Amino acid sequence: MRVDEALVRLDKALDEATLGGHPGLYVVHGHGSGALKSSIREALRESHYVSEFRPGDSGEGGDGCTVVLI
């Protein structure tokens, strides 16, 4: 998935999680070149929905996944 497509889907997922009363979500972006991971994490830093986020633990997908708390 391209970065611009992923960021649109991220915004939608954050909206749905917030409106649905979910405490957070997992964003699976993989490793790849790192561009997608970096862009997603930058968007999460700027999002007013996000209270915190972190790389996944080994049982959560490791650094190929970002755990987001709303």
PDB file of N, CA and C in Angstrom:
ATOM      1  N   MET A   1       0.840  -1.170   0.000  1.00  0.00           N
ATOM      2  CA  MET A   1       0.000   0.000   0.000  1.00  0.00           C
ATOM      3  C   MET A   1       0.889   1.239   0.000  1.00  0.00           C
ATOM      4  N   ARG A   2       0.478   2.223  -0.736  1.00  0.00           N
ATOM      5  CA  ARG A   2       1.232   3.482  -0.772  1.00  0.00           C
ATOM      6  C   ARG A   2       0.931   4.308   0.484  1.00  0.00           C
ATOM      7  N   VAL A   3       1.852   5.203   0.820  1.00  0.00           N
ATOM      8  CA  VAL A   3       1.730   6.009   2.032  1.00  0.00           C
ATOM      9  C   VAL A   3       0.429   6.804   2.033  1.00  0.00           C
ATOM     10  N   ASP A   4       0.096   7.478   0.942  1.00  0.00           N
ATOM     11  CA  ASP A   4      -1.111   8.305   0.931  1.00  0.00           C
ATOM     12  C   ASP A   4      -2.368   7.472   1.156  1.00  0.00           C
ATOM     13  N   GLU A   5      -2.421   6.283   0.589  1.00  0.00           N
ATOM     14  CA  GLU A   5      -3.562   5.383   0.802  1.00  0.00           C
ATOM     15  C   GLU A   5      -3.628   4.923   2.257  1.00  0.00           C
ATOM     16  N   ALA A   6      -2.482   4.595   2.809  1.00  0.00           N
ATOM     17  CA  ALA A   6      -2.424   4.113   4.192  1.00  0.00           C
ATOM     18  C   ALA A   6      -2.861   5.192   5.177  1.00  0.00           C
ATOM     19  N   LEU A   7      -2.490   6.430   4.919  1.00  0.00           N
ATOM     20  CA  LEU A   7      -2.856   7.511   5.834  1.00  0.00           C
ATOM     21  C   LEU A   7      -4.360   7.779   5.810  1.00  0.00           C
ATOM     22  N   VAL A   8      -4.984   7.634   4.656  1.00  0.00           N
ATOM     23  CA  VAL A   8      -6.444   7.776   4.567  1.00  0.00           C
ATOM     24  C   VAL A   8      -7.112   6.670   5.370  1.00  0.00           C
ATOM     25  N   ARG A   9      -6.624   5.444   5.224  1.00  0.00           N
ATOM     26  CA  ARG A   9      -7.199   4.314   5.972  1.00  0.00           C
ATOM     27  C   ARG A   9      -6.937   4.443   7.468  1.00  0.00           C
ATOM     28  N   LEU A  10      -5.779   4.987   7.834  1.00  0.00           N
ATOM     29  CA  LEU A  10      -5.471   5.212   9.240  1.00  0.00           C
ATOM     30  C   LEU A  10      -6.455   6.205   9.847  1.00  0.00           C
ATOM     31  N   ASP A  11      -6.708   7.310   9.168  1.00  0.00           N
ATOM     32  CA  ASP A  11      -7.668   8.301   9.660  1.00  0.00           C
ATOM     33  C   ASP A  11      -9.048   7.685   9.861  1.00  0.00           C
ATOM     34  N   LYS A  12      -9.471   6.885   8.902  1.00  0.00           N
ATOM     35  CA  LYS A  12     -10.775   6.233   8.998  1.00  0.00           C
ATOM     36  C   LYS A  12     -10.811   5.267  10.182  1.00  0.00           C
ATOM     37  N   ALA A  13      -9.754   4.491  10.367  1.00  0.00           N
ATOM     38  CA  ALA A  13      -9.693   3.531  11.475  1.00  0.00           C
ATOM     39  C   ALA A  13      -9.705   4.251  12.823  1.00  0.00           C
ATOM     40  N   LEU A  14      -8.997   5.365  12.920  1.00  0.00           N
ATOM     41  CA  LEU A  14      -8.999   6.139  14.161  1.00  0.00           C
ATOM     42  C   LEU A  14     -10.382   6.717  14.441  1.00  0.00           C
ATOM     43  N   ASP A  15     -11.044   7.229  13.410  1.00  0.00           N
ATOM     44  CA  ASP A  15     -12.412   7.740  13.559  1.00  0.00           C
ATOM     45  C   ASP A  15     -13.340   6.644  14.070  1.00  0.00           C
ATOM     46  N   GLU A  16     -13.291   5.489  13.417  1.00  0.00           N
ATOM     47  CA  GLU A  16     -14.180   4.382  13.780  1.00  0.00           C
ATOM     48  C   GLU A  16     -13.896   3.868  15.193  1.00  0.00           C
ATOM     49  N   ALA A  17     -12.622   3.770  15.549  1.00  0.00           N
ATOM     50  CA  ALA A  17     -12.268   3.302  16.893  1.00  0.00           C
ATOM     51  C   ALA A  17     -12.758   4.285  17.950  1.00  0.00           C
ATOM     52  N   THR A  18     -12.593   5.560  17.692  1.00  0.00           N
ATOM     53  CA  THR A  18     -13.026   6.583  18.644  1.00  0.00           C
ATOM     54  C   THR A  18     -14.540   6.592  18.784  1.00  0.00           C
ATOM     55  N   LEU A  19     -15.238   6.609  17.668  1.00  0.00           N
ATOM     56  CA  LEU A  19     -16.703   6.635  17.703  1.00  0.00           C
ATOM     57  C   LEU A  19     -17.278   5.346  18.279  1.00  0.00           C
ATOM     58  N   GLY A  20     -16.575   4.239  18.093  1.00  0.00           N
ATOM     59  CA  GLY A  20     -17.028   2.960  18.603  1.00  0.00           C
ATOM     60  C   GLY A  20     -16.664   2.709  20.053  1.00  0.00           C
ATOM     61  N   GLY A  21     -15.934   3.641  20.650  1.00  0.00           N
ATOM     62  CA  GLY A  21     -15.549   3.494  22.047  1.00  0.00           C
ATOM     63  C   GLY A  21     -14.455   2.474  22.301  1.00  0.00           C
ATOM     64  N   HIS A  22     -13.684   2.164  21.272  1.00  0.00           N
ATOM     65  CA  HIS A  22     -12.584   1.205  21.423  1.00  0.00           C
ATOM     66  C   HIS A  22     -11.388   1.878  22.089  1.00  0.00           C
ATOM     67  N   PRO A  23     -10.677   1.159  22.936  1.00  0.00           N
ATOM     68  CA  PRO A  23      -9.543   1.766  23.638  1.00  0.00           C
ATOM     69  C   PRO A  23      -8.303   1.959  22.771  1.00  0.00           C
ATOM     70  N   GLY A  24      -8.234   1.276  21.646  1.00  0.00           N
ATOM     71  CA  GLY A  24      -7.060   1.394  20.788  1.00  0.00           C
ATOM     72  C   GLY A  24      -7.161   0.489  19.589  1.00  0.00           C
ATOM     73  N   LEU A  25      -6.058   0.394  18.857  1.00  0.00           N
ATOM     74  CA  LEU A  25      -6.020  -0.457  17.682  1.00  0.00           C
ATOM     75  C   LEU A  25      -4.584  -0.812  17.344  1.00  0.00           C
ATOM     76  N   TYR A  26      -4.448  -1.837  16.519  1.00  0.00           N
ATOM     77  CA  TYR A  26      -3.150  -2.264  16.014  1.00  0.00           C
ATOM     78  C   TYR A  26      -3.056  -1.827  14.559  1.00  0.00           C
ATOM     79  N   VAL A  27      -1.952  -1.205  14.201  1.00  0.00           N
ATOM     80  CA  VAL A  27      -1.704  -0.819  12.819  1.00  0.00           C
ATOM     81  C   VAL A  27      -0.570  -1.701  12.303  1.00  0.00           C
ATOM     82  N   VAL A  28      -0.895  -2.564  11.351  1.00  0.00           N
ATOM     83  CA  VAL A  28       0.105  -3.479  10.783  1.00  0.00           C
ATOM     84  C   VAL A  28       0.640  -2.843   9.508  1.00  0.00           C
ATOM     85  N   HIS A  29       1.907  -2.448   9.527  1.00  0.00           N
ATOM     86  CA  HIS A  29       2.518  -1.765   8.386  1.00  0.00           C
ATOM     87  C   HIS A  29       3.707  -2.529   7.837  1.00  0.00           C
ATOM     88  N   GLY A  30       4.163  -3.539   8.538  1.00  0.00           N
ATOM     89  CA  GLY A  30       5.315  -4.310   8.088  1.00  0.00           C
ATOM     90  C   GLY A  30       6.610  -3.534   8.252  1.00  0.00           C
ATOM     91  N   HIS A  31       7.669  -4.116   7.717  1.00  0.00           N
ATOM     92  CA  HIS A  31       8.992  -3.492   7.813  1.00  0.00           C
ATOM     93  C   HIS A  31       9.336  -2.761   6.522  1.00  0.00           C
ATOM     94  N   GLY A  32       9.415  -3.463   5.430  1.00  0.00           N
ATOM     95  CA  GLY A  32       9.702  -2.862   4.120  1.00  0.00           C
ATOM     96  C   GLY A  32      10.846  -1.880   4.158  1.00  0.00           C
ATOM     97  N   SER A  33      10.688  -0.784   3.438  1.00  0.00           N
ATOM     98  CA  SER A  33      11.722   0.255   3.388  1.00  0.00           C
ATOM     99  C   SER A  33      11.680   1.155   4.619  1.00  0.00           C
ATOM    100  N   GLY A  34      10.581   1.086   5.377  1.00  0.00           N
ATOM    101  CA  GLY A  34      10.425   1.930   6.560  1.00  0.00           C
ATOM    102  C   GLY A  34       9.629   3.195   6.298  1.00  0.00           C
ATOM    103  N   ALA A  35       9.347   3.492   5.028  1.00  0.00           N
ATOM    104  CA  ALA A  35       8.627   4.718   4.691  1.00  0.00           C
ATOM    105  C   ALA A  35       7.205   4.705   5.244  1.00  0.00           C
ATOM    106  N   LEU A  36       6.528   3.578   5.113  1.00  0.00           N
ATOM    107  CA  LEU A  36       5.151   3.478   5.587  1.00  0.00           C
ATOM    108  C   LEU A  36       5.108   3.576   7.114  1.00  0.00           C
ATOM    109  N   LYS A  37       5.972   2.852   7.778  1.00  0.00           N
ATOM    110  CA  LYS A  37       6.036   2.885   9.244  1.00  0.00           C
ATOM    111  C   LYS A  37       6.314   4.305   9.738  1.00  0.00           C
ATOM    112  N   SER A  38       7.270   4.962   9.143  1.00  0.00           N
ATOM    113  CA  SER A  38       7.627   6.325   9.556  1.00  0.00           C
ATOM    114  C   SER A  38       6.471   7.298   9.344  1.00  0.00           C
ATOM    115  N   SER A  39       5.813   7.203   8.207  1.00  0.00           N
ATOM    116  CA  SER A  39       4.699   8.101   7.901  1.00  0.00           C
ATOM    117  C   SER A  39       3.525   7.875   8.837  1.00  0.00           C
ATOM    118  N   ILE A  40       3.233   6.620   9.114  1.00  0.00           N
ATOM    119  CA  ILE A  40       2.131   6.294  10.035  1.00  0.00           C
ATOM    120  C   ILE A  40       2.444   6.811  11.434  1.00  0.00           C
ATOM    121  N   ARG A  41       3.638   6.585  11.899  1.00  0.00           N
ATOM    122  CA  ARG A  41       3.983   7.036  13.256  1.00  0.00           C
ATOM    123  C   ARG A  41       4.019   8.552  13.350  1.00  0.00           C
ATOM    124  N   GLU A  42       4.414   9.218  12.307  1.00  0.00           N
ATOM    125  CA  GLU A  42       4.373  10.688  12.304  1.00  0.00           C
ATOM    126  C   GLU A  42       2.924  11.173  12.360  1.00  0.00           C
ATOM    127  N   ALA A  43       2.041  10.545  11.598  1.00  0.00           N
ATOM    128  CA  ALA A  43       0.622  10.911  11.626  1.00  0.00           C
ATOM    129  C   ALA A  43       0.026  10.663  13.007  1.00  0.00           C
ATOM    130  N   LEU A  44       0.444   9.585  13.662  1.00  0.00           N
ATOM    131  CA  LEU A  44      -0.055   9.294  15.001  1.00  0.00           C
ATOM    132  C   LEU A  44       0.419  10.335  16.007  1.00  0.00           C
ATOM    133  N   ARG A  45       1.641  10.836  15.850  1.00  0.00           N
ATOM    134  CA  ARG A  45       2.158  11.897  16.732  1.00  0.00           C
ATOM    135  C   ARG A  45       1.296  13.152  16.644  1.00  0.00           C
ATOM    136  N   GLU A  46       0.782  13.421  15.462  1.00  0.00           N
ATOM    137  CA  GLU A  46       0.012  14.645  15.213  1.00  0.00           C
ATOM    138  C   GLU A  46      -1.485  14.479  15.447  1.00  0.00           C
ATOM    139  N   SER A  47      -1.952  13.257  15.629  1.00  0.00           N
ATOM    140  CA  SER A  47      -3.384  13.003  15.750  1.00  0.00           C
ATOM    141  C   SER A  47      -3.917  13.392  17.127  1.00  0.00           C
ATOM    142  N   HIS A  48      -5.050  14.074  17.141  1.00  0.00           N
ATOM    143  CA  HIS A  48      -5.684  14.437  18.411  1.00  0.00           C
ATOM    144  C   HIS A  48      -6.437  13.259  19.028  1.00  0.00           C
ATOM    145  N   TYR A  49      -6.624  12.175  18.283  1.00  0.00           N
ATOM    146  CA  TYR A  49      -7.275  10.973  18.808  1.00  0.00           C
ATOM    147  C   TYR A  49      -6.343  10.141  19.689  1.00  0.00           C
ATOM    148  N   VAL A  50      -5.067  10.209  19.440  1.00  0.00           N
ATOM    149  CA  VAL A  50      -4.094   9.273  20.003  1.00  0.00           C
ATOM    150  C   VAL A  50      -3.534   9.793  21.321  1.00  0.00           C
ATOM    151  N   SER A  51      -3.653   8.961  22.371  1.00  0.00           N
ATOM    152  CA  SER A  51      -3.043   9.339  23.646  1.00  0.00           C
ATOM    153  C   SER A  51      -1.588   8.871  23.704  1.00  0.00           C
ATOM    154  N   GLU A  52      -1.332   7.699  23.108  1.00  0.00           N
ATOM    155  CA  GLU A  52       0.039   7.204  22.999  1.00  0.00           C
ATOM    156  C   GLU A  52       0.090   6.066  21.992  1.00  0.00           C
ATOM    157  N   PHE A  53       1.294   5.742  21.561  1.00  0.00           N
ATOM    158  CA  PHE A  53       1.510   4.597  20.678  1.00  0.00           C
ATOM    159  C   PHE A  53       2.906   4.071  20.907  1.00  0.00           C
ATOM    160  N   ARG A  54       3.091   2.811  20.488  1.00  0.00           N
ATOM    161  CA  ARG A  54       4.393   2.163  20.668  1.00  0.00           C
ATOM    162  C   ARG A  54       4.538   1.050  19.644  1.00  0.00           C
ATOM    163  N   PRO A  55       5.772   0.629  19.382  1.00  0.00           N
ATOM    164  CA  PRO A  55       5.967  -0.553  18.534  1.00  0.00           C
ATOM    165  C   PRO A  55       5.366  -1.771  19.226  1.00  0.00           C
ATOM    166  N   GLY A  56       4.935  -2.721  18.451  1.00  0.00           N
ATOM    167  CA  GLY A  56       4.388  -3.948  19.021  1.00  0.00           C
ATOM    168  C   GLY A  56       5.444  -4.752  19.741  1.00  0.00           C
ATOM    169  N   ASP A  57       5.013  -5.479  20.769  1.00  0.00           N
ATOM    170  CA  ASP A  57       5.892  -6.434  21.440  1.00  0.00           C
ATOM    171  C   ASP A  57       6.065  -7.648  20.527  1.00  0.00           C
ATOM    172  N   SER A  58       6.908  -8.577  20.933  1.00  0.00           N
ATOM    173  CA  SER A  58       7.177  -9.744  20.092  1.00  0.00           C
ATOM    174  C   SER A  58       5.912 -10.538  19.790  1.00  0.00           C
ATOM    175  N   GLY A  59       4.965 -10.606  20.710  1.00  0.00           N
ATOM    176  CA  GLY A  59       3.716 -11.320  20.480  1.00  0.00           C
ATOM    177  C   GLY A  59       2.662 -10.507  19.744  1.00  0.00           C
ATOM    178  N   GLU A  60       2.984  -9.257  19.432  1.00  0.00           N
ATOM    179  CA  GLU A  60       2.041  -8.358  18.764  1.00  0.00           C
ATOM    180  C   GLU A  60       2.478  -7.998  17.343  1.00  0.00           C
ATOM    181  N   GLY A  61       3.539  -8.608  16.869  1.00  0.00           N
ATOM    182  CA  GLY A  61       4.031  -8.299  15.537  1.00  0.00           C
ATOM    183  C   GLY A  61       5.323  -7.533  15.516  1.00  0.00           C
ATOM    184  N   GLY A  62       5.883  -7.266  16.691  1.00  0.00           N
ATOM    185  CA  GLY A  62       7.161  -6.559  16.772  1.00  0.00           C
ATOM    186  C   GLY A  62       7.087  -5.177  16.136  1.00  0.00           C
ATOM    187  N   ASP A  63       8.188  -4.738  15.578  1.00  0.00           N
ATOM    188  CA  ASP A  63       8.263  -3.392  15.006  1.00  0.00           C
ATOM    189  C   ASP A  63       7.529  -3.279  13.665  1.00  0.00           C
ATOM    190  N   GLY A  64       6.956  -4.367  13.185  1.00  0.00           N
ATOM    191  CA  GLY A  64       6.142  -4.325  11.976  1.00  0.00           C
ATOM    192  C   GLY A  64       4.702  -3.939  12.271  1.00  0.00           C
ATOM    193  N   CYS A  65       4.436  -3.643  13.539  1.00  0.00           N
ATOM    194  CA  CYS A  65       3.097  -3.278  13.986  1.00  0.00           C
ATOM    195  C   CYS A  65       3.243  -2.119  14.978  1.00  0.00           C
ATOM    196  N   THR A  66       2.266  -1.214  14.974  1.00  0.00           N
ATOM    197  CA  THR A  66       2.238  -0.137  15.951  1.00  0.00           C
ATOM    198  C   THR A  66       0.952  -0.266  16.754  1.00  0.00           C
ATOM    199  N   VAL A  67       1.096  -0.267  18.077  1.00  0.00           N
ATOM    200  CA  VAL A  67      -0.033  -0.356  18.997  1.00  0.00           C
ATOM    201  C   VAL A  67      -0.438   1.069  19.364  1.00  0.00           C
ATOM    202  N   VAL A  68      -1.703   1.390  19.142  1.00  0.00           N
ATOM    203  CA  VAL A  68      -2.201   2.739  19.330  1.00  0.00           C
ATOM    204  C   VAL A  68      -3.239   2.746  20.445  1.00  0.00           C
ATOM    205  N   LEU A  69      -3.097   3.656  21.397  1.00  0.00           N
ATOM    206  CA  LEU A  69      -4.099   3.853  22.433  1.00  0.00           C
ATOM    207  C   LEU A  69      -4.846   5.147  22.159  1.00  0.00           C
ATOM    208  N   ILE A  70      -6.160   5.062  22.241  1.00  0.00           N
ATOM    209  CA  ILE A  70      -7.019   6.220  21.937  1.00  0.00           C
ATOM    210  C   ILE A  70      -7.228   7.021  23.213  1.00  0.00           C
TER     211      ILE A  70
END
